[in-house]
């Protein structure tokens, strides 16, 4: 009986030898994944990027995660034997960093280097981050560098599609994401509004959401309420913010671009009549790939924002071209 038990133990151990390991790699370790992979919108969230194998038989010596725009709080977890490098990028405009502070920079990438993860082992690289307020997938692109070779886990699949090198993904839910007022192809237009004004110029604001993998651009806007309609942004010249026209406004694949006061917006020049609170007007948006769509833009009180003084759901009509 004892000999039989010893044989089973030795045989079982042999299954997990270095030579047998590739046969028994779990499918969950086939690519870099985030674990846990589901979190509540707007919450502080701890996850780990799980690296399940090397590049062929070559050990992993560096892991770099590329972070999407819009994350205002990111903290990497220290790992014994590994060094951490943090890269930052300048934001187009300052954002709320929490606790009453504003920041004009954001962490764009985090790298762990200097360690060595053998091919037959797995490990996790931890991150603490504040999730976006909006529902939807949050993609973390990962570059895995090995002693010999490199694996780039950065492909983003469309629904029903399988890709060879998928990016790690966190499913964000529980937020108050707005229903689209209008859509054309993969582009959704959420919460459009304009502010009441007696002047000859006004602005239209909204959020553009791209549910597709390929990026697109808003290239033109038109409305019968104004003599001219342009795409604008704000730039800082010295200590003064000034409006400047732009040829297009980009919406990244699986991304969103906010058109809001102090940033990108649609400029209505030469208004034919004042914009009055409670009214609405048609606005046609033309995208480089998706085409054109016409929506009704509600007018809120001066200084107001989307949802001010009215239910935008009553202005949900749209026409596609």
C-alpha atoms as a PDB file:
ATOM      1  CA  UNK A   1       0.000   0.000   0.000  1.00  0.00           C
ATOM      2  CA  UNK A   2       2.794   2.394   0.965  1.00  0.00           C
ATOM      3  CA  UNK A   3       4.749   1.597  -2.212  1.00  0.00           C
ATOM      4  CA  UNK A   4       1.616   2.274  -4.279  1.00  0.00           C
ATOM      5  CA  UNK A   5       1.105   5.673  -2.640  1.00  0.00           C
ATOM      6  CA  UNK A   6       4.748   6.598  -3.190  1.00  0.00           C
ATOM      7  CA  UNK A   7       4.487   5.627  -6.867  1.00  0.00           C
ATOM      8  CA  UNK A   8       1.402   7.857  -7.304  1.00  0.00           C
ATOM      9  CA  UNK A   9       3.145  10.820  -5.696  1.00  0.00           C
ATOM     10  CA  UNK A  10       6.287  10.421  -7.830  1.00  0.00           C
ATOM     11  CA  UNK A  11       4.218   9.947 -11.010  1.00  0.00           C
ATOM     12  CA  UNK A  12       2.074  12.993 -10.172  1.00  0.00           C
ATOM     13  CA  UNK A  13       5.170  15.119  -9.602  1.00  0.00           C
ATOM     14  CA  UNK A  14       6.561  14.004 -12.954  1.00  0.00           C
ATOM     15  CA  UNK A  15       3.531  15.488 -14.714  1.00  0.00           C
ATOM     16  CA  UNK A  16       4.607  18.951 -13.553  1.00  0.00           C
ATOM     17  CA  UNK A  17       8.259  18.640 -14.537  1.00  0.00           C
ATOM     18  CA  UNK A  18       9.815  21.302 -16.737  1.00  0.00           C
ATOM     19  CA  UNK A  19       9.426  19.092 -19.835  1.00  0.00           C
ATOM     20  CA  UNK A  20       5.746  18.312 -19.201  1.00  0.00           C
ATOM     21  CA  UNK A  21       4.669  21.849 -18.229  1.00  0.00           C
ATOM     22  CA  UNK A  22       3.792  23.110 -21.750  1.00  0.00           C
ATOM     23  CA  UNK A  23       1.241  20.293 -22.124  1.00  0.00           C
ATOM     24  CA  UNK A  24      -0.630  21.353 -18.987  1.00  0.00           C
ATOM     25  CA  UNK A  25      -0.639  25.149 -19.338  1.00  0.00           C
ATOM     26  CA  UNK A  26      -4.117  26.357 -18.403  1.00  0.00           C
ATOM     27  CA  UNK A  27      -6.042  28.102 -21.204  1.00  0.00           C
ATOM     28  CA  UNK A  28      -6.566  31.020 -18.774  1.00  0.00           C
ATOM     29  CA  UNK A  29      -2.798  31.582 -18.892  1.00  0.00           C
ATOM     30  CA  UNK A  30      -2.631  31.638 -22.699  1.00  0.00           C
ATOM     31  CA  UNK A  31      -2.497  35.444 -22.698  1.00  0.00           C
ATOM     32  CA  UNK A  32      -2.046  38.318 -20.248  1.00  0.00           C
ATOM     33  CA  UNK A  33      -5.266  38.904 -18.308  1.00  0.00           C
ATOM     34  CA  UNK A  34      -6.470  41.311 -15.638  1.00  0.00           C
ATOM     35  CA  UNK A  35      -7.651  39.623 -12.445  1.00  0.00           C
ATOM     36  CA  UNK A  36     -10.080  40.694 -11.112  1.00  0.00           C
ATOM     37  CA  UNK A  37     -11.559  41.899 -14.388  1.00  0.00           C
ATOM     38  CA  UNK A  38     -14.826  43.557 -13.304  1.00  0.00           C
ATOM     39  CA  UNK A  39     -15.230  46.758 -11.309  1.00  0.00           C
ATOM     40  CA  UNK A  40     -17.702  49.519 -10.462  1.00  0.00           C
ATOM     41  CA  UNK A  41     -17.570  52.766 -12.423  1.00  0.00           C
ATOM     42  CA  UNK A  42     -15.839  55.566 -10.531  1.00  0.00           C
ATOM     43  CA  UNK A  43     -14.414  53.271  -7.853  1.00  0.00           C
ATOM     44  CA  UNK A  44     -10.828  52.738  -6.733  1.00  0.00           C
ATOM     45  CA  UNK A  45      -9.966  49.298  -8.036  1.00  0.00           C
ATOM     46  CA  UNK A  46      -7.121  46.867  -7.468  1.00  0.00           C
ATOM     47  CA  UNK A  47      -6.256  44.397 -10.204  1.00  0.00           C
ATOM     48  CA  UNK A  48      -3.244  42.384 -11.339  1.00  0.00           C
ATOM     49  CA  UNK A  49      -1.915  41.604 -14.786  1.00  0.00           C
ATOM     50  CA  UNK A  50      -1.249  37.868 -14.867  1.00  0.00           C
ATOM     51  CA  UNK A  51       1.618  36.735 -17.101  1.00  0.00           C
ATOM     52  CA  UNK A  52       1.286  33.002 -17.679  1.00  0.00           C
ATOM     53  CA  UNK A  53       4.301  32.136 -19.834  1.00  0.00           C
ATOM     54  CA  UNK A  54       7.370  33.527 -21.546  1.00  0.00           C
ATOM     55  CA  UNK A  55       8.158  34.012 -25.229  1.00  0.00           C
ATOM     56  CA  UNK A  56       8.453  30.435 -26.369  1.00  0.00           C
ATOM     57  CA  UNK A  57      10.863  29.014 -23.775  1.00  0.00           C
ATOM     58  CA  UNK A  58      12.481  32.405 -23.089  1.00  0.00           C
ATOM     59  CA  UNK A  59      11.946  34.011 -19.640  1.00  0.00           C
ATOM     60  CA  UNK A  60      10.087  37.311 -19.201  1.00  0.00           C
ATOM     61  CA  UNK A  61      12.374  40.182 -18.168  1.00  0.00           C
ATOM     62  CA  UNK A  62      10.057  43.209 -18.508  1.00  0.00           C
ATOM     63  CA  UNK A  63       6.328  43.946 -18.475  1.00  0.00           C
ATOM     64  CA  UNK A  64       4.948  47.287 -19.689  1.00  0.00           C
ATOM     65  CA  UNK A  65       1.286  48.302 -19.510  1.00  0.00           C
ATOM     66  CA  UNK A  66      -0.004  51.133 -21.717  1.00  0.00           C
ATOM     67  CA  UNK A  67      -2.810  52.995 -19.963  1.00  0.00           C
ATOM     68  CA  UNK A  68      -5.749  54.584 -21.795  1.00  0.00           C
ATOM     69  CA  UNK A  69      -6.511  58.280 -21.491  1.00  0.00           C
ATOM     70  CA  UNK A  70      -8.860  59.379 -18.726  1.00  0.00           C
ATOM     71  CA  UNK A  71      -7.309  57.529 -15.776  1.00  0.00           C
ATOM     72  CA  UNK A  72      -6.526  60.140 -13.107  1.00  0.00           C
ATOM     73  CA  UNK A  73      -5.159  57.804 -10.431  1.00  0.00           C
ATOM     74  CA  UNK A  74      -2.775  54.896 -11.121  1.00  0.00           C
ATOM     75  CA  UNK A  75      -0.433  53.232  -8.612  1.00  0.00           C
ATOM     76  CA  UNK A  76       1.733  50.224  -9.503  1.00  0.00           C
ATOM     77  CA  UNK A  77       2.476  47.561  -6.896  1.00  0.00           C
ATOM     78  CA  UNK A  78       6.106  47.075  -5.916  1.00  0.00           C
ATOM     79  CA  UNK A  79       7.618  43.646  -6.606  1.00  0.00           C
ATOM     80  CA  UNK A  80      10.805  42.338  -4.950  1.00  0.00           C
ATOM     81  CA  UNK A  81      13.563  42.032  -7.546  1.00  0.00           C
ATOM     82  CA  UNK A  82      11.810  44.298 -10.061  1.00  0.00           C
ATOM     83  CA  UNK A  83      12.235  48.034 -10.740  1.00  0.00           C
ATOM     84  CA  UNK A  84       9.262  50.254 -11.607  1.00  0.00           C
ATOM     85  CA  UNK A  85       9.269  53.015 -14.217  1.00  0.00           C
ATOM     86  CA  UNK A  86       6.338  55.424 -14.599  1.00  0.00           C
ATOM     87  CA  UNK A  87       5.756  57.440 -17.783  1.00  0.00           C
ATOM     88  CA  UNK A  88       3.469  60.479 -17.948  1.00  0.00           C
ATOM     89  CA  UNK A  89       1.791  62.445 -20.711  1.00  0.00           C
ATOM     90  CA  UNK A  90       0.581  66.044 -20.886  1.00  0.00           C
ATOM     91  CA  UNK A  91      -3.198  66.461 -20.968  1.00  0.00           C
ATOM     92  CA  UNK A  92      -4.950  68.850 -23.315  1.00  0.00           C
ATOM     93  CA  UNK A  93      -6.613  70.445 -20.281  1.00  0.00           C
ATOM     94  CA  UNK A  94      -6.409  70.008 -16.475  1.00  0.00           C
ATOM     95  CA  UNK A  95      -8.658  67.381 -14.867  1.00  0.00           C
ATOM     96  CA  UNK A  96      -9.833  66.694 -11.337  1.00  0.00           C
ATOM     97  CA  UNK A  97      -7.259  64.523  -9.584  1.00  0.00           C
ATOM     98  CA  UNK A  98      -9.370  64.085  -6.443  1.00  0.00           C
ATOM     99  CA  UNK A  99      -9.277  65.734  -3.019  1.00  0.00           C
ATOM    100  CA  UNK A 100      -9.795  69.152  -4.607  1.00  0.00           C
ATOM    101  CA  UNK A 101      -6.601  69.025  -6.694  1.00  0.00           C
ATOM    102  CA  UNK A 102      -6.258  69.518 -10.448  1.00  0.00           C
ATOM    103  CA  UNK A 103      -3.602  68.018 -12.695  1.00  0.00           C
ATOM    104  CA  UNK A 104      -2.497  68.539 -16.293  1.00  0.00           C
ATOM    105  CA  UNK A 105      -0.520  65.272 -16.503  1.00  0.00           C
ATOM    106  CA  UNK A 106      -1.560  61.629 -16.379  1.00  0.00           C
ATOM    107  CA  UNK A 107       0.278  58.324 -16.140  1.00  0.00           C
ATOM    108  CA  UNK A 108       0.462  56.851 -19.645  1.00  0.00           C
ATOM    109  CA  UNK A 109       2.538  53.707 -18.988  1.00  0.00           C
ATOM    110  CA  UNK A 110       3.982  51.609 -16.161  1.00  0.00           C
ATOM    111  CA  UNK A 111       6.912  49.198 -16.572  1.00  0.00           C
ATOM    112  CA  UNK A 112       8.402  46.491 -14.363  1.00  0.00           C
ATOM    113  CA  UNK A 113      12.008  45.659 -15.314  1.00  0.00           C
ATOM    114  CA  UNK A 114      15.102  43.995 -13.877  1.00  0.00           C
ATOM    115  CA  UNK A 115      13.473  40.764 -12.765  1.00  0.00           C
ATOM    116  CA  UNK A 116      13.275  37.355 -14.375  1.00  0.00           C
ATOM    117  CA  UNK A 117      10.148  35.211 -14.742  1.00  0.00           C
ATOM    118  CA  UNK A 118      10.924  31.708 -16.117  1.00  0.00           C
ATOM    119  CA  UNK A 119       8.691  30.402 -18.876  1.00  0.00           C
ATOM    120  CA  UNK A 120       7.392  27.532 -16.717  1.00  0.00           C
ATOM    121  CA  UNK A 121       6.199  29.924 -13.960  1.00  0.00           C
ATOM    122  CA  UNK A 122       3.514  32.621 -13.814  1.00  0.00           C
ATOM    123  CA  UNK A 123       3.351  35.855 -11.843  1.00  0.00           C
ATOM    124  CA  UNK A 124       1.137  38.913 -11.338  1.00  0.00           C
ATOM    125  CA  UNK A 125       1.916  42.623 -11.648  1.00  0.00           C
ATOM    126  CA  UNK A 126      -0.447  44.699  -9.523  1.00  0.00           C
ATOM    127  CA  UNK A 127      -2.140  48.024 -10.261  1.00  0.00           C
ATOM    128  CA  UNK A 128      -4.428  50.235  -8.227  1.00  0.00           C
ATOM    129  CA  UNK A 129      -6.456  52.656 -10.323  1.00  0.00           C
ATOM    130  CA  UNK A 130      -9.586  54.781 -10.298  1.00  0.00           C
ATOM    131  CA  UNK A 131     -12.015  53.418 -12.860  1.00  0.00           C
ATOM    132  CA  UNK A 132     -13.787  55.764 -15.310  1.00  0.00           C
ATOM    133  CA  UNK A 133     -17.260  57.034 -14.469  1.00  0.00           C
ATOM    134  CA  UNK A 134     -18.645  55.512 -17.673  1.00  0.00           C
ATOM    135  CA  UNK A 135     -19.675  51.903 -18.225  1.00  0.00           C
ATOM    136  CA  UNK A 136     -17.882  49.766 -20.773  1.00  0.00           C
ATOM    137  CA  UNK A 137     -14.613  47.917 -21.372  1.00  0.00           C
ATOM    138  CA  UNK A 138     -11.316  49.413 -20.185  1.00  0.00           C
ATOM    139  CA  UNK A 139      -8.436  48.022 -22.265  1.00  0.00           C
ATOM    140  CA  UNK A 140      -4.897  47.717 -20.890  1.00  0.00           C
ATOM    141  CA  UNK A 141      -2.354  47.027 -23.620  1.00  0.00           C
ATOM    142  CA  UNK A 142       0.642  45.031 -22.389  1.00  0.00           C
ATOM    143  CA  UNK A 143       4.125  44.619 -23.883  1.00  0.00           C
ATOM    144  CA  UNK A 144       5.871  41.496 -22.575  1.00  0.00           C
ATOM    145  CA  UNK A 145       9.630  41.542 -23.200  1.00  0.00           C
ATOM    146  CA  UNK A 146      11.670  38.362 -22.902  1.00  0.00           C
ATOM    147  CA  UNK A 147      15.359  37.509 -22.966  1.00  0.00           C
ATOM    148  CA  UNK A 148      14.664  36.473 -26.547  1.00  0.00           C
ATOM    149  CA  UNK A 149      11.664  38.021 -28.261  1.00  0.00           C
ATOM    150  CA  UNK A 150       8.655  40.135 -27.375  1.00  0.00           C
ATOM    151  CA  UNK A 151       4.888  39.623 -27.176  1.00  0.00           C
ATOM    152  CA  UNK A 152       2.540  42.608 -27.650  1.00  0.00           C
ATOM    153  CA  UNK A 153      -0.869  42.007 -26.076  1.00  0.00           C
ATOM    154  CA  UNK A 154      -2.706  44.969 -27.598  1.00  0.00           C
ATOM    155  CA  UNK A 155      -5.351  43.745 -30.038  1.00  0.00           C
ATOM    156  CA  UNK A 156      -8.954  44.776 -29.350  1.00  0.00           C
ATOM    157  CA  UNK A 157     -11.566  42.430 -30.771  1.00  0.00           C
ATOM    158  CA  UNK A 158     -14.967  43.416 -32.108  1.00  0.00           C
ATOM    159  CA  UNK A 159     -17.974  41.483 -30.687  1.00  0.00           C
ATOM    160  CA  UNK A 160     -17.749  37.824 -31.687  1.00  0.00           C
ATOM    161  CA  UNK A 161     -14.197  38.173 -32.992  1.00  0.00           C
ATOM    162  CA  UNK A 162     -11.180  36.256 -31.666  1.00  0.00           C
ATOM    163  CA  UNK A 163      -7.715  37.781 -31.855  1.00  0.00           C
ATOM    164  CA  UNK A 164      -4.281  36.242 -31.361  1.00  0.00           C
ATOM    165  CA  UNK A 165      -2.847  38.843 -28.963  1.00  0.00           C
ATOM    166  CA  UNK A 166      -5.774  40.367 -27.003  1.00  0.00           C
ATOM    167  CA  UNK A 167      -5.293  43.323 -24.670  1.00  0.00           C
ATOM    168  CA  UNK A 168      -6.187  42.787 -21.024  1.00  0.00           C
ATOM    169  CA  UNK A 169      -9.674  44.121 -20.279  1.00  0.00           C
ATOM    170  CA  UNK A 170     -11.578  45.339 -17.229  1.00  0.00           C
ATOM    171  CA  UNK A 171     -15.372  45.433 -17.498  1.00  0.00           C
ATOM    172  CA  UNK A 172     -16.656  48.658 -15.909  1.00  0.00           C
ATOM    173  CA  UNK A 173     -20.311  48.695 -14.835  1.00  0.00           C
ATOM    174  CA  UNK A 174     -22.671  50.312 -12.348  1.00  0.00           C
ATOM    175  CA  UNK A 175     -22.136  53.857 -13.630  1.00  0.00           C
ATOM    176  CA  UNK A 176     -24.680  56.359 -14.868  1.00  0.00           C
ATOM    177  CA  UNK A 177     -23.799  56.113 -18.532  1.00  0.00           C
ATOM    178  CA  UNK A 178     -26.085  58.147 -20.750  1.00  0.00           C
ATOM    179  CA  UNK A 179     -28.183  56.532 -23.454  1.00  0.00           C
ATOM    180  CA  UNK A 180     -27.191  57.800 -26.892  1.00  0.00           C
ATOM    181  CA  UNK A 181     -29.288  60.627 -28.281  1.00  0.00           C
ATOM    182  CA  UNK A 182     -28.258  59.660 -31.813  1.00  0.00           C
ATOM    183  CA  UNK A 183     -25.923  57.227 -33.534  1.00  0.00           C
ATOM    184  CA  UNK A 184     -24.421  56.484 -36.926  1.00  0.00           C
ATOM    185  CA  UNK A 185     -22.542  53.214 -37.431  1.00  0.00           C
ATOM    186  CA  UNK A 186     -20.337  52.635 -34.367  1.00  0.00           C
ATOM    187  CA  UNK A 187     -20.478  56.320 -33.319  1.00  0.00           C
ATOM    188  CA  UNK A 188     -22.854  57.354 -30.533  1.00  0.00           C
ATOM    189  CA  UNK A 189     -23.678  60.960 -29.592  1.00  0.00           C
ATOM    190  CA  UNK A 190     -24.511  61.311 -25.906  1.00  0.00           C
ATOM    191  CA  UNK A 191     -26.008  64.219 -23.960  1.00  0.00           C
ATOM    192  CA  UNK A 192     -25.827  67.047 -26.520  1.00  0.00           C
ATOM    193  CA  UNK A 193     -26.647  70.542 -25.260  1.00  0.00           C
ATOM    194  CA  UNK A 194     -26.120  74.219 -25.963  1.00  0.00           C
ATOM    195  CA  UNK A 195     -26.280  77.128 -23.527  1.00  0.00           C
ATOM    196  CA  UNK A 196     -28.802  79.922 -23.819  1.00  0.00           C
ATOM    197  CA  UNK A 197     -27.247  83.113 -25.195  1.00  0.00           C
ATOM    198  CA  UNK A 198     -28.457  86.431 -26.643  1.00  0.00           C
ATOM    199  CA  UNK A 199     -25.151  86.851 -28.513  1.00  0.00           C
ATOM    200  CA  UNK A 200     -24.368  86.116 -32.149  1.00  0.00           C
ATOM    201  CA  UNK A 201     -22.155  83.169 -31.217  1.00  0.00           C
ATOM    202  CA  UNK A 202     -22.840  80.012 -29.244  1.00  0.00           C
ATOM    203  CA  UNK A 203     -21.482  76.526 -28.669  1.00  0.00           C
ATOM    204  CA  UNK A 204     -22.788  72.968 -28.823  1.00  0.00           C
ATOM    205  CA  UNK A 205     -21.394  70.267 -26.555  1.00  0.00           C
ATOM    206  CA  UNK A 206     -21.743  66.488 -26.303  1.00  0.00           C
ATOM    207  CA  UNK A 207     -19.841  63.231 -25.803  1.00  0.00           C
ATOM    208  CA  UNK A 208     -18.826  61.169 -28.838  1.00  0.00           C
ATOM    209  CA  UNK A 209     -18.489  57.437 -28.146  1.00  0.00           C
ATOM    210  CA  UNK A 210     -16.888  55.006 -30.599  1.00  0.00           C
ATOM    211  CA  UNK A 211     -18.073  51.414 -30.050  1.00  0.00           C
ATOM    212  CA  UNK A 212     -15.982  50.134 -32.981  1.00  0.00           C
ATOM    213  CA  UNK A 213     -12.348  49.058 -33.125  1.00  0.00           C
ATOM    214  CA  UNK A 214     -11.252  51.543 -35.811  1.00  0.00           C
ATOM    215  CA  UNK A 215     -10.824  55.208 -34.971  1.00  0.00           C
ATOM    216  CA  UNK A 216     -12.901  57.918 -36.648  1.00  0.00           C
ATOM    217  CA  UNK A 217     -13.008  61.710 -36.864  1.00  0.00           C
ATOM    218  CA  UNK A 218     -15.695  64.362 -36.649  1.00  0.00           C
ATOM    219  CA  UNK A 219     -14.829  66.445 -39.707  1.00  0.00           C
ATOM    220  CA  UNK A 220     -17.782  68.786 -40.160  1.00  0.00           C
ATOM    221  CA  UNK A 221     -20.854  70.248 -38.426  1.00  0.00           C
ATOM    222  CA  UNK A 222     -23.742  72.268 -39.845  1.00  0.00           C
ATOM    223  CA  UNK A 223     -26.942  73.869 -38.556  1.00  0.00           C
ATOM    224  CA  UNK A 224     -29.583  76.166 -40.084  1.00  0.00           C
ATOM    225  CA  UNK A 225     -29.566  78.338 -36.930  1.00  0.00           C
ATOM    226  CA  UNK A 226     -26.109  79.786 -37.709  1.00  0.00           C
ATOM    227  CA  UNK A 227     -24.411  81.308 -40.741  1.00  0.00           C
ATOM    228  CA  UNK A 228     -21.252  79.302 -40.102  1.00  0.00           C
ATOM    229  CA  UNK A 229     -20.446  76.255 -37.950  1.00  0.00           C
ATOM    230  CA  UNK A 230     -16.881  75.292 -37.048  1.00  0.00           C
ATOM    231  CA  UNK A 231     -15.075  72.730 -34.921  1.00  0.00           C
ATOM    232  CA  UNK A 232     -13.098  74.459 -32.167  1.00  0.00           C
ATOM    233  CA  UNK A 233     -10.862  73.781 -29.186  1.00  0.00           C
ATOM    234  CA  UNK A 234      -9.221  75.892 -26.483  1.00  0.00           C
ATOM    235  CA  UNK A 235      -5.464  76.427 -26.335  1.00  0.00           C
ATOM    236  CA  UNK A 236      -3.409  78.176 -23.674  1.00  0.00           C
ATOM    237  CA  UNK A 237      -1.353  81.130 -24.871  1.00  0.00           C
ATOM    238  CA  UNK A 238       0.654  82.424 -21.944  1.00  0.00           C
ATOM    239  CA  UNK A 239      -1.875  82.736 -19.150  1.00  0.00           C
ATOM    240  CA  UNK A 240      -4.861  83.160 -21.480  1.00  0.00           C
ATOM    241  CA  UNK A 241      -7.120  80.440 -22.916  1.00  0.00           C
ATOM    242  CA  UNK A 242      -8.128  81.150 -26.520  1.00  0.00           C
ATOM    243  CA  UNK A 243     -10.449  79.390 -28.946  1.00  0.00           C
ATOM    244  CA  UNK A 244      -8.963  78.000 -32.133  1.00  0.00           C
ATOM    245  CA  UNK A 245     -10.592  76.145 -35.075  1.00  0.00           C
ATOM    246  CA  UNK A 246      -9.479  72.555 -35.722  1.00  0.00           C
ATOM    247  CA  UNK A 247      -9.882  70.533 -38.944  1.00  0.00           C
ATOM    248  CA  UNK A 248     -11.219  67.455 -37.134  1.00  0.00           C
ATOM    249  CA  UNK A 249     -11.901  65.927 -33.723  1.00  0.00           C
ATOM    250  CA  UNK A 250     -10.665  62.363 -33.293  1.00  0.00           C
ATOM    251  CA  UNK A 251     -12.524  59.534 -31.539  1.00  0.00           C
ATOM    252  CA  UNK A 252     -10.244  56.556 -30.895  1.00  0.00           C
ATOM    253  CA  UNK A 253     -11.412  52.991 -31.422  1.00  0.00           C
ATOM    254  CA  UNK A 254     -13.355  51.843 -28.350  1.00  0.00           C
ATOM    255  CA  UNK A 255     -12.864  55.387 -27.031  1.00  0.00           C
ATOM    256  CA  UNK A 256     -14.784  58.541 -26.260  1.00  0.00           C
ATOM    257  CA  UNK A 257     -14.151  62.233 -26.806  1.00  0.00           C
ATOM    258  CA  UNK A 258     -15.883  64.891 -24.733  1.00  0.00           C
ATOM    259  CA  UNK A 259     -16.941  68.133 -26.387  1.00  0.00           C
ATOM    260  CA  UNK A 260     -17.322  70.420 -23.402  1.00  0.00           C
ATOM    261  CA  UNK A 261     -16.813  74.018 -22.268  1.00  0.00           C
ATOM    262  CA  UNK A 262     -13.111  74.843 -22.176  1.00  0.00           C
ATOM    263  CA  UNK A 263     -12.215  72.045 -24.594  1.00  0.00           C
ATOM    264  CA  UNK A 264     -13.406  70.735 -27.960  1.00  0.00           C
ATOM    265  CA  UNK A 265     -16.811  72.068 -29.043  1.00  0.00           C
ATOM    266  CA  UNK A 266     -18.960  72.944 -32.028  1.00  0.00           C
ATOM    267  CA  UNK A 267     -18.911  76.720 -32.566  1.00  0.00           C
ATOM    268  CA  UNK A 268     -22.065  78.382 -33.902  1.00  0.00           C
ATOM    269  CA  UNK A 269     -21.059  81.634 -35.592  1.00  0.00           C
ATOM    270  CA  UNK A 270     -23.568  84.263 -36.733  1.00  0.00           C
ATOM    271  CA  UNK A 271     -26.651  82.962 -34.922  1.00  0.00           C
ATOM    272  CA  UNK A 272     -29.787  84.005 -36.795  1.00  0.00           C
ATOM    273  CA  UNK A 273     -31.690  84.337 -33.522  1.00  0.00           C
ATOM    274  CA  UNK A 274     -30.796  84.022 -29.814  1.00  0.00           C
ATOM    275  CA  UNK A 275     -30.604  80.550 -28.289  1.00  0.00           C
ATOM    276  CA  UNK A 276     -33.380  80.457 -25.695  1.00  0.00           C
ATOM    277  CA  UNK A 277     -33.586  78.080 -22.759  1.00  0.00           C
ATOM    278  CA  UNK A 278     -36.067  75.261 -23.395  1.00  0.00           C
ATOM    279  CA  UNK A 279     -35.762  75.431 -27.194  1.00  0.00           C
ATOM    280  CA  UNK A 280     -33.819  73.048 -29.432  1.00  0.00           C
ATOM    281  CA  UNK A 281     -32.240  73.150 -32.879  1.00  0.00           C
ATOM    282  CA  UNK A 282     -31.020  70.647 -35.501  1.00  0.00           C
ATOM    283  CA  UNK A 283     -27.319  69.931 -35.840  1.00  0.00           C
ATOM    284  CA  UNK A 284     -25.759  67.713 -38.508  1.00  0.00           C
ATOM    285  CA  UNK A 285     -22.470  65.998 -37.678  1.00  0.00           C
ATOM    286  CA  UNK A 286     -20.329  64.406 -40.376  1.00  0.00           C
ATOM    287  CA  UNK A 287     -17.748  61.747 -39.520  1.00  0.00           C
ATOM    288  CA  UNK A 288     -14.921  60.705 -41.818  1.00  0.00           C
ATOM    289  CA  UNK A 289     -15.897  57.019 -41.839  1.00  0.00           C
ATOM    290  CA  UNK A 290     -19.328  56.657 -40.229  1.00  0.00           C
ATOM    291  CA  UNK A 291     -21.113  59.305 -42.321  1.00  0.00           C
ATOM    292  CA  UNK A 292     -23.585  62.006 -41.305  1.00  0.00           C
ATOM    293  CA  UNK A 293     -26.304  62.147 -38.678  1.00  0.00           C
ATOM    294  CA  UNK A 294     -28.697  64.947 -37.688  1.00  0.00           C
ATOM    295  CA  UNK A 295     -29.819  65.364 -34.087  1.00  0.00           C
ATOM    296  CA  UNK A 296     -31.782  67.871 -32.050  1.00  0.00           C
ATOM    297  CA  UNK A 297     -29.708  69.847 -29.542  1.00  0.00           C
ATOM    298  CA  UNK A 298     -31.599  71.111 -26.468  1.00  0.00           C
ATOM    299  CA  UNK A 299     -30.789  74.566 -25.117  1.00  0.00           C
ATOM    300  CA  UNK A 300     -30.181  74.750 -21.361  1.00  0.00           C
ATOM    301  CA  UNK A 301     -29.844  77.786 -19.134  1.00  0.00           C
ATOM    302  CA  UNK A 302     -26.750  79.965 -19.408  1.00  0.00           C
ATOM    303  CA  UNK A 303     -23.909  78.223 -17.597  1.00  0.00           C
ATOM    304  CA  UNK A 304     -25.840  74.929 -17.522  1.00  0.00           C
ATOM    305  CA  UNK A 305     -24.714  71.454 -18.526  1.00  0.00           C
ATOM    306  CA  UNK A 306     -26.278  68.331 -20.050  1.00  0.00           C
ATOM    307  CA  UNK A 307     -29.494  67.474 -18.259  1.00  0.00           C
ATOM    308  CA  UNK A 308     -30.015  70.995 -16.870  1.00  0.00           C
ATOM    309  CA  UNK A 309     -33.666  71.945 -16.480  1.00  0.00           C
ATOM    310  CA  UNK A 310     -34.960  69.273 -18.844  1.00  0.00           C
ATOM    311  CA  UNK A 311     -35.157  65.622 -19.800  1.00  0.00           C
ATOM    312  CA  UNK A 312     -32.970  65.121 -22.849  1.00  0.00           C
ATOM    313  CA  UNK A 313     -34.775  61.929 -23.677  1.00  0.00           C
ATOM    314  CA  UNK A 314     -37.563  64.046 -25.185  1.00  0.00           C
ATOM    315  CA  UNK A 315     -35.140  65.265 -27.846  1.00  0.00           C
ATOM    316  CA  UNK A 316     -33.919  61.919 -29.050  1.00  0.00           C
ATOM    317  CA  UNK A 317     -34.856  62.151 -32.728  1.00  0.00           C
ATOM    318  CA  UNK A 318     -32.099  61.642 -35.276  1.00  0.00           C
ATOM    319  CA  UNK A 319     -31.792  61.256 -39.015  1.00  0.00           C
ATOM    320  CA  UNK A 320     -28.971  59.352 -40.712  1.00  0.00           C
ATOM    321  CA  UNK A 321     -27.501  60.116 -44.141  1.00  0.00           C
END
